[in-house]
Amino acid sequence: MAAGTVVAFWVVSLVFVLTPGADWAYLLAAGVRHRSVVPAVGGLVAGHLLATVAVAAGTAALLARIPAVMVGLTVAGAAYLVWLGGTALLRPAAPRLATPDGGPVPGSWLRQAGTGLGTSGLNPKVFLLVLALLPQFTDPGGPWPVTAQILFLGLVHVANCALVYLGVATGARVVLRARPVAATVVGRISGVVMVGLGVAMVVGQLVHGV
């Protein structure tokens, strides 16, 4: 795959990962509740990986048969981005402590990982990223099969998730416990970025169509 394509997708994926949502809500809770954030992050990342594998084959076959589907996926992805950004602006994420004193809550590592897996694996944001955005960075005429391209870019996204989520969960201990206003600021900035990206996608599709 072209390096420029991979970098472009990496940026889009990073914006998605940095946008507070269901995953962030769980990370913030895990960061202030549990002694280790590794199980929670591992579960969330596993959910993203499973979603990528599950969607890749069907998406590749569909795009190969009906190229026009890409237009619909682009519009759907853009609409979701605008909705997600608007939601982040109106209701920015904020941490909630598990106990009055903010102390860690004991719990099974397997249970924490399972909760993370369910949170990301059932999150429509994850499926829309893979289904609506990721295929736009593939080249049906390239040397790699479309399925392989999707899986490779999916791994790039998973790596983004692992790094950012570890930072978010760890930072929740240090910063958000003492300064919850930081979560509100991050949420609003991410909201603006997501709305702008959604509008840019629609404009780009219109220009390309013309």
C-alpha atoms as a PDB file:
ATOM      1  CA  MET A   1       0.000   0.000   0.000  1.00  0.00           C
ATOM      2  CA  ALA A   2       1.103   3.577  -0.622  1.00  0.00           C
ATOM      3  CA  ALA A   3       2.703   5.207   2.407  1.00  0.00           C
ATOM      4  CA  GLY A   4       0.623   8.351   1.910  1.00  0.00           C
ATOM      5  CA  THR A   5      -2.601   6.342   2.093  1.00  0.00           C
ATOM      6  CA  VAL A   6      -1.529   4.645   5.297  1.00  0.00           C
ATOM      7  CA  VAL A   7      -0.560   7.962   6.884  1.00  0.00           C
ATOM      8  CA  ALA A   8      -3.853   9.567   5.840  1.00  0.00           C
ATOM      9  CA  PHE A   9      -5.837   6.721   7.394  1.00  0.00           C
ATOM     10  CA  TRP A  10      -3.664   6.840  10.517  1.00  0.00           C
ATOM     11  CA  VAL A  11      -4.643  10.503  10.987  1.00  0.00           C
ATOM     12  CA  VAL A  12      -8.364   9.795  10.506  1.00  0.00           C
ATOM     13  CA  SER A  13      -8.170   6.808  12.855  1.00  0.00           C
ATOM     14  CA  LEU A  14      -6.339   8.887  15.454  1.00  0.00           C
ATOM     15  CA  VAL A  15      -9.059  11.551  15.355  1.00  0.00           C
ATOM     16  CA  PHE A  16     -11.655   8.841  15.944  1.00  0.00           C
ATOM     17  CA  VAL A  17      -9.734   7.302  18.824  1.00  0.00           C
ATOM     18  CA  LEU A  18      -9.181  10.703  20.441  1.00  0.00           C
ATOM     19  CA  THR A  19     -12.904  11.473  20.342  1.00  0.00           C
ATOM     20  CA  PRO A  20     -14.598  10.677  23.679  1.00  0.00           C
ATOM     21  CA  GLY A  21     -17.339   8.086  23.455  1.00  0.00           C
ATOM     22  CA  ALA A  22     -18.322   4.764  25.002  1.00  0.00           C
ATOM     23  CA  ASP A  23     -14.717   3.530  25.024  1.00  0.00           C
ATOM     24  CA  TRP A  24     -13.509   6.685  26.761  1.00  0.00           C
ATOM     25  CA  ALA A  25     -16.274   6.475  29.341  1.00  0.00           C
ATOM     26  CA  TYR A  26     -15.126   2.993  30.298  1.00  0.00           C
ATOM     27  CA  LEU A  27     -11.461   4.011  30.250  1.00  0.00           C
ATOM     28  CA  LEU A  28     -12.067   6.967  32.544  1.00  0.00           C
ATOM     29  CA  ALA A  29     -13.930   4.755  34.991  1.00  0.00           C
ATOM     30  CA  ALA A  30     -11.282   2.024  34.849  1.00  0.00           C
ATOM     31  CA  GLY A  31      -8.490   4.540  35.293  1.00  0.00           C
ATOM     32  CA  VAL A  32      -9.845   5.812  38.587  1.00  0.00           C
ATOM     33  CA  ARG A  33     -11.338   2.546  39.844  1.00  0.00           C
ATOM     34  CA  HIS A  34      -8.790  -0.189  39.264  1.00  0.00           C
ATOM     35  CA  ARG A  35      -5.168  -0.753  40.198  1.00  0.00           C
ATOM     36  CA  SER A  36      -4.207  -1.708  36.617  1.00  0.00           C
ATOM     37  CA  VAL A  37      -5.622  -0.355  33.371  1.00  0.00           C
ATOM     38  CA  VAL A  38      -4.130  -3.126  31.214  1.00  0.00           C
ATOM     39  CA  PRO A  39      -7.157  -5.496  31.335  1.00  0.00           C
ATOM     40  CA  ALA A  40      -9.606  -2.744  30.391  1.00  0.00           C
ATOM     41  CA  VAL A  41      -7.430  -1.494  27.532  1.00  0.00           C
ATOM     42  CA  GLY A  42      -6.766  -5.036  26.330  1.00  0.00           C
ATOM     43  CA  GLY A  43     -10.485  -5.789  26.193  1.00  0.00           C
ATOM     44  CA  LEU A  44     -11.283  -2.600  24.277  1.00  0.00           C
ATOM     45  CA  VAL A  45      -8.512  -3.228  21.745  1.00  0.00           C
ATOM     46  CA  ALA A  46      -9.677  -6.825  21.260  1.00  0.00           C
ATOM     47  CA  GLY A  47     -13.146  -5.521  20.438  1.00  0.00           C
ATOM     48  CA  HIS A  48     -11.755  -3.244  17.726  1.00  0.00           C
ATOM     49  CA  LEU A  49      -9.732  -6.111  16.274  1.00  0.00           C
ATOM     50  CA  LEU A  50     -12.710  -8.475  16.184  1.00  0.00           C
ATOM     51  CA  ALA A  51     -14.872  -5.813  14.521  1.00  0.00           C
ATOM     52  CA  THR A  52     -12.218  -5.293  11.839  1.00  0.00           C
ATOM     53  CA  VAL A  53     -11.948  -9.004  11.068  1.00  0.00           C
ATOM     54  CA  ALA A  54     -15.727  -9.485  11.078  1.00  0.00           C
ATOM     55  CA  VAL A  55     -16.465  -6.616   8.699  1.00  0.00           C
ATOM     56  CA  ALA A  56     -13.491  -6.864   6.312  1.00  0.00           C
ATOM     57  CA  ALA A  57     -14.528  -9.848   4.181  1.00  0.00           C
ATOM     58  CA  GLY A  58     -18.125  -8.763   3.639  1.00  0.00           C
ATOM     59  CA  THR A  59     -17.195  -5.179   2.911  1.00  0.00           C
ATOM     60  CA  ALA A  60     -14.568  -6.179   0.356  1.00  0.00           C
ATOM     61  CA  ALA A  61     -16.995  -8.410  -1.538  1.00  0.00           C
ATOM     62  CA  LEU A  62     -19.736  -5.781  -1.499  1.00  0.00           C
ATOM     63  CA  LEU A  63     -17.489  -3.019  -2.807  1.00  0.00           C
ATOM     64  CA  ALA A  64     -16.182  -5.287  -5.562  1.00  0.00           C
ATOM     65  CA  ARG A  65     -19.740  -5.965  -6.810  1.00  0.00           C
ATOM     66  CA  ILE A  66     -21.311  -2.537  -6.288  1.00  0.00           C
ATOM     67  CA  PRO A  67     -18.830   0.379  -6.447  1.00  0.00           C
ATOM     68  CA  ALA A  68     -21.684   2.883  -5.926  1.00  0.00           C
ATOM     69  CA  VAL A  69     -22.048   1.577  -2.379  1.00  0.00           C
ATOM     70  CA  MET A  70     -18.997   3.683  -1.495  1.00  0.00           C
ATOM     71  CA  VAL A  71     -21.025   6.854  -2.014  1.00  0.00           C
ATOM     72  CA  GLY A  72     -23.662   5.695   0.431  1.00  0.00           C
ATOM     73  CA  LEU A  73     -21.043   4.616   2.950  1.00  0.00           C
ATOM     74  CA  THR A  74     -19.335   7.984   2.682  1.00  0.00           C
ATOM     75  CA  VAL A  75     -22.578   9.858   3.339  1.00  0.00           C
ATOM     76  CA  ALA A  76     -23.431   7.561   6.259  1.00  0.00           C
ATOM     77  CA  GLY A  77     -19.972   7.970   7.752  1.00  0.00           C
ATOM     78  CA  ALA A  78     -20.086  11.754   7.361  1.00  0.00           C
ATOM     79  CA  ALA A  79     -23.520  11.971   8.960  1.00  0.00           C
ATOM     80  CA  TYR A  80     -22.336   9.904  11.907  1.00  0.00           C
ATOM     81  CA  LEU A  81     -19.228  12.067  12.303  1.00  0.00           C
ATOM     82  CA  VAL A  82     -21.342  15.222  12.431  1.00  0.00           C
ATOM     83  CA  TRP A  83     -23.746  13.616  14.916  1.00  0.00           C
ATOM     84  CA  LEU A  84     -20.891  12.341  17.069  1.00  0.00           C
ATOM     85  CA  GLY A  85     -19.171  15.721  17.024  1.00  0.00           C
ATOM     86  CA  GLY A  86     -22.393  17.533  17.901  1.00  0.00           C
ATOM     87  CA  THR A  87     -22.990  15.140  20.771  1.00  0.00           C
ATOM     88  CA  ALA A  88     -19.456  15.703  22.055  1.00  0.00           C
ATOM     89  CA  LEU A  89     -20.013  19.469  21.977  1.00  0.00           C
ATOM     90  CA  LEU A  90     -23.338  19.310  23.800  1.00  0.00           C
ATOM     91  CA  ARG A  91     -22.472  16.573  26.299  1.00  0.00           C
ATOM     92  CA  PRO A  92     -18.683  16.357  26.716  1.00  0.00           C
ATOM     93  CA  ALA A  93     -17.381  13.361  28.641  1.00  0.00           C
ATOM     94  CA  ALA A  94     -16.574  13.680  32.339  1.00  0.00           C
ATOM     95  CA  PRO A  95     -15.052  11.181  34.762  1.00  0.00           C
ATOM     96  CA  ARG A  96     -17.018   9.675  37.625  1.00  0.00           C
ATOM     97  CA  LEU A  97     -15.241   8.220  40.617  1.00  0.00           C
ATOM     98  CA  ALA A  98     -16.129   4.745  41.830  1.00  0.00           C
ATOM     99  CA  THR A  99     -15.900   5.574  45.530  1.00  0.00           C
ATOM    100  CA  PRO A 100     -16.199   8.802  47.530  1.00  0.00           C
ATOM    101  CA  ASP A 101     -12.447   8.823  48.171  1.00  0.00           C
ATOM    102  CA  GLY A 102     -11.546   7.835  44.587  1.00  0.00           C
ATOM    103  CA  GLY A 103      -9.782   4.673  45.708  1.00  0.00           C
ATOM    104  CA  PRO A 104      -9.335   1.648  43.435  1.00  0.00           C
ATOM    105  CA  VAL A 105     -12.074  -0.941  43.349  1.00  0.00           C
ATOM    106  CA  PRO A 106     -11.005  -4.588  43.436  1.00  0.00           C
ATOM    107  CA  GLY A 107     -12.149  -6.727  40.532  1.00  0.00           C
ATOM    108  CA  SER A 108     -11.290  -9.633  38.275  1.00  0.00           C
ATOM    109  CA  TRP A 109      -8.921  -8.868  35.406  1.00  0.00           C
ATOM    110  CA  LEU A 110     -10.992 -11.202  33.213  1.00  0.00           C
ATOM    111  CA  ARG A 111     -14.172  -9.312  34.110  1.00  0.00           C
ATOM    112  CA  GLN A 112     -12.557  -5.968  33.306  1.00  0.00           C
ATOM    113  CA  ALA A 113     -11.285  -7.268  29.954  1.00  0.00           C
ATOM    114  CA  GLY A 114     -14.696  -8.753  29.164  1.00  0.00           C
ATOM    115  CA  THR A 115     -16.386  -5.456  29.899  1.00  0.00           C
ATOM    116  CA  GLY A 116     -13.924  -3.693  27.602  1.00  0.00           C
ATOM    117  CA  LEU A 117     -14.517  -6.258  24.857  1.00  0.00           C
ATOM    118  CA  GLY A 118     -18.271  -5.775  25.077  1.00  0.00           C
ATOM    119  CA  THR A 119     -17.981  -1.989  25.195  1.00  0.00           C
ATOM    120  CA  SER A 120     -15.975  -1.673  21.974  1.00  0.00           C
ATOM    121  CA  GLY A 121     -17.249  -4.783  20.218  1.00  0.00           C
ATOM    122  CA  LEU A 122     -20.854  -3.581  20.438  1.00  0.00           C
ATOM    123  CA  ASN A 123     -20.052   0.076  19.799  1.00  0.00           C
ATOM    124  CA  PRO A 124     -21.583   1.266  16.486  1.00  0.00           C
ATOM    125  CA  LYS A 125     -18.801   3.851  16.235  1.00  0.00           C
ATOM    126  CA  VAL A 126     -16.300   1.014  15.753  1.00  0.00           C
ATOM    127  CA  PHE A 127     -18.315  -0.678  13.029  1.00  0.00           C
ATOM    128  CA  LEU A 128     -18.933   2.587  11.197  1.00  0.00           C
ATOM    129  CA  LEU A 129     -15.208   3.333  11.221  1.00  0.00           C
ATOM    130  CA  VAL A 130     -14.405  -0.012   9.639  1.00  0.00           C
ATOM    131  CA  LEU A 131     -17.415  -0.161   7.330  1.00  0.00           C
ATOM    132  CA  ALA A 132     -17.848   3.442   6.210  1.00  0.00           C
ATOM    133  CA  LEU A 133     -14.418   5.057   6.453  1.00  0.00           C
ATOM    134  CA  LEU A 134     -11.726   2.407   6.201  1.00  0.00           C
ATOM    135  CA  PRO A 135     -12.687   1.145   2.687  1.00  0.00           C
ATOM    136  CA  GLN A 136     -12.203   4.640   1.281  1.00  0.00           C
ATOM    137  CA  PHE A 137      -8.472   4.217   1.828  1.00  0.00           C
ATOM    138  CA  THR A 138      -8.272   0.988  -0.183  1.00  0.00           C
ATOM    139  CA  ASP A 139      -7.422   0.568  -3.858  1.00  0.00           C
ATOM    140  CA  PRO A 140      -9.432  -2.174  -5.618  1.00  0.00           C
ATOM    141  CA  GLY A 141      -6.912  -2.093  -8.463  1.00  0.00           C
ATOM    142  CA  GLY A 142      -3.858  -2.274  -6.231  1.00  0.00           C
ATOM    143  CA  PRO A 143      -1.484  -5.228  -5.804  1.00  0.00           C
ATOM    144  CA  TRP A 144      -3.036  -6.181  -2.445  1.00  0.00           C
ATOM    145  CA  PRO A 145      -6.520  -7.736  -2.236  1.00  0.00           C
ATOM    146  CA  VAL A 146      -9.040  -5.328  -0.760  1.00  0.00           C
ATOM    147  CA  THR A 147      -9.584  -7.636   2.204  1.00  0.00           C
ATOM    148  CA  ALA A 148      -5.851  -7.621   2.987  1.00  0.00           C
ATOM    149  CA  GLN A 149      -5.777  -3.814   2.730  1.00  0.00           C
ATOM    150  CA  ILE A 150      -8.699  -3.504   5.129  1.00  0.00           C
ATOM    151  CA  LEU A 151      -7.107  -5.881   7.620  1.00  0.00           C
ATOM    152  CA  PHE A 152      -3.766  -4.045   7.441  1.00  0.00           C
ATOM    153  CA  LEU A 153      -5.372  -0.652   7.991  1.00  0.00           C
ATOM    154  CA  GLY A 154      -7.438  -2.218  10.746  1.00  0.00           C
ATOM    155  CA  LEU A 155      -4.219  -3.189  12.512  1.00  0.00           C
ATOM    156  CA  VAL A 156      -3.051   0.429  12.192  1.00  0.00           C
ATOM    157  CA  HIS A 157      -6.271   1.484  13.892  1.00  0.00           C
ATOM    158  CA  VAL A 158      -5.840  -1.152  16.618  1.00  0.00           C
ATOM    159  CA  ALA A 159      -2.315   0.134  17.308  1.00  0.00           C
ATOM    160  CA  ASN A 160      -3.727   3.662  17.649  1.00  0.00           C
ATOM    161  CA  CYS A 161      -6.312   2.360  20.096  1.00  0.00           C
ATOM    162  CA  ALA A 162      -3.733   0.576  22.235  1.00  0.00           C
ATOM    163  CA  LEU A 163      -1.451   3.601  22.562  1.00  0.00           C
ATOM    164  CA  VAL A 164      -4.144   6.239  23.082  1.00  0.00           C
ATOM    165  CA  TYR A 165      -6.266   4.160  25.434  1.00  0.00           C
ATOM    166  CA  LEU A 166      -3.301   3.367  27.663  1.00  0.00           C
ATOM    167  CA  GLY A 167      -2.575   7.076  27.847  1.00  0.00           C
ATOM    168  CA  VAL A 168      -6.192   8.011  28.560  1.00  0.00           C
ATOM    169  CA  ALA A 169      -6.693   5.415  31.289  1.00  0.00           C
ATOM    170  CA  THR A 170      -3.381   6.226  32.950  1.00  0.00           C
ATOM    171  CA  GLY A 171      -3.996   9.963  32.656  1.00  0.00           C
ATOM    172  CA  ALA A 172      -7.362   9.542  34.355  1.00  0.00           C
ATOM    173  CA  ARG A 173      -5.508   8.611  37.531  1.00  0.00           C
ATOM    174  CA  VAL A 174      -3.234  11.620  37.451  1.00  0.00           C
ATOM    175  CA  VAL A 175      -5.226  14.427  35.855  1.00  0.00           C
ATOM    176  CA  LEU A 176      -8.945  13.755  35.618  1.00  0.00           C
ATOM    177  CA  ARG A 177      -9.324  12.708  39.228  1.00  0.00           C
ATOM    178  CA  ALA A 178      -8.142  16.162  40.266  1.00  0.00           C
ATOM    179  CA  ARG A 179      -9.239  18.189  37.225  1.00  0.00           C
ATOM    180  CA  PRO A 180     -12.465  16.878  35.679  1.00  0.00           C
ATOM    181  CA  VAL A 181     -12.773  20.054  33.604  1.00  0.00           C
ATOM    182  CA  ALA A 182      -9.969  18.656  31.386  1.00  0.00           C
ATOM    183  CA  ALA A 183     -12.338  15.965  30.100  1.00  0.00           C
ATOM    184  CA  THR A 184     -14.871  18.641  29.126  1.00  0.00           C
ATOM    185  CA  VAL A 185     -12.274  20.625  27.173  1.00  0.00           C
ATOM    186  CA  VAL A 186     -11.043  17.527  25.312  1.00  0.00           C
ATOM    187  CA  GLY A 187     -14.615  16.557  24.457  1.00  0.00           C
ATOM    188  CA  ARG A 188     -15.484  19.928  22.976  1.00  0.00           C
ATOM    189  CA  ILE A 189     -12.311  20.193  20.904  1.00  0.00           C
ATOM    190  CA  SER A 190     -12.844  16.688  19.544  1.00  0.00           C
ATOM    191  CA  GLY A 191     -16.436  17.591  18.709  1.00  0.00           C
ATOM    192  CA  VAL A 192     -15.343  20.501  16.529  1.00  0.00           C
ATOM    193  CA  VAL A 193     -12.807  18.292  14.739  1.00  0.00           C
ATOM    194  CA  MET A 194     -15.342  15.547  14.063  1.00  0.00           C
ATOM    195  CA  VAL A 195     -17.973  17.939  12.677  1.00  0.00           C
ATOM    196  CA  GLY A 196     -15.351  19.520  10.413  1.00  0.00           C
ATOM    197  CA  LEU A 197     -14.187  16.121   9.176  1.00  0.00           C
ATOM    198  CA  GLY A 198     -17.750  15.048   8.407  1.00  0.00           C
ATOM    199  CA  VAL A 199     -18.443  18.203   6.398  1.00  0.00           C
ATOM    200  CA  ALA A 200     -15.141  17.771   4.534  1.00  0.00           C
ATOM    201  CA  MET A 201     -16.101  14.219   3.577  1.00  0.00           C
ATOM    202  CA  VAL A 202     -19.414  15.358   2.054  1.00  0.00           C
ATOM    203  CA  VAL A 203     -17.752  18.237   0.179  1.00  0.00           C
ATOM    204  CA  GLY A 204     -15.064  15.897  -1.120  1.00  0.00           C
ATOM    205  CA  GLN A 205     -17.679  13.418  -2.343  1.00  0.00           C
ATOM    206  CA  LEU A 206     -19.615  16.193  -4.116  1.00  0.00           C
ATOM    207  CA  VAL A 207     -16.483  17.516  -5.809  1.00  0.00           C
ATOM    208  CA  HIS A 208     -15.458  14.011  -6.836  1.00  0.00           C
ATOM    209  CA  GLY A 209     -18.934  13.338  -8.201  1.00  0.00           C
ATOM    210  CA  VAL A 210     -18.874  16.504 -10.272  1.00  0.00           C
END
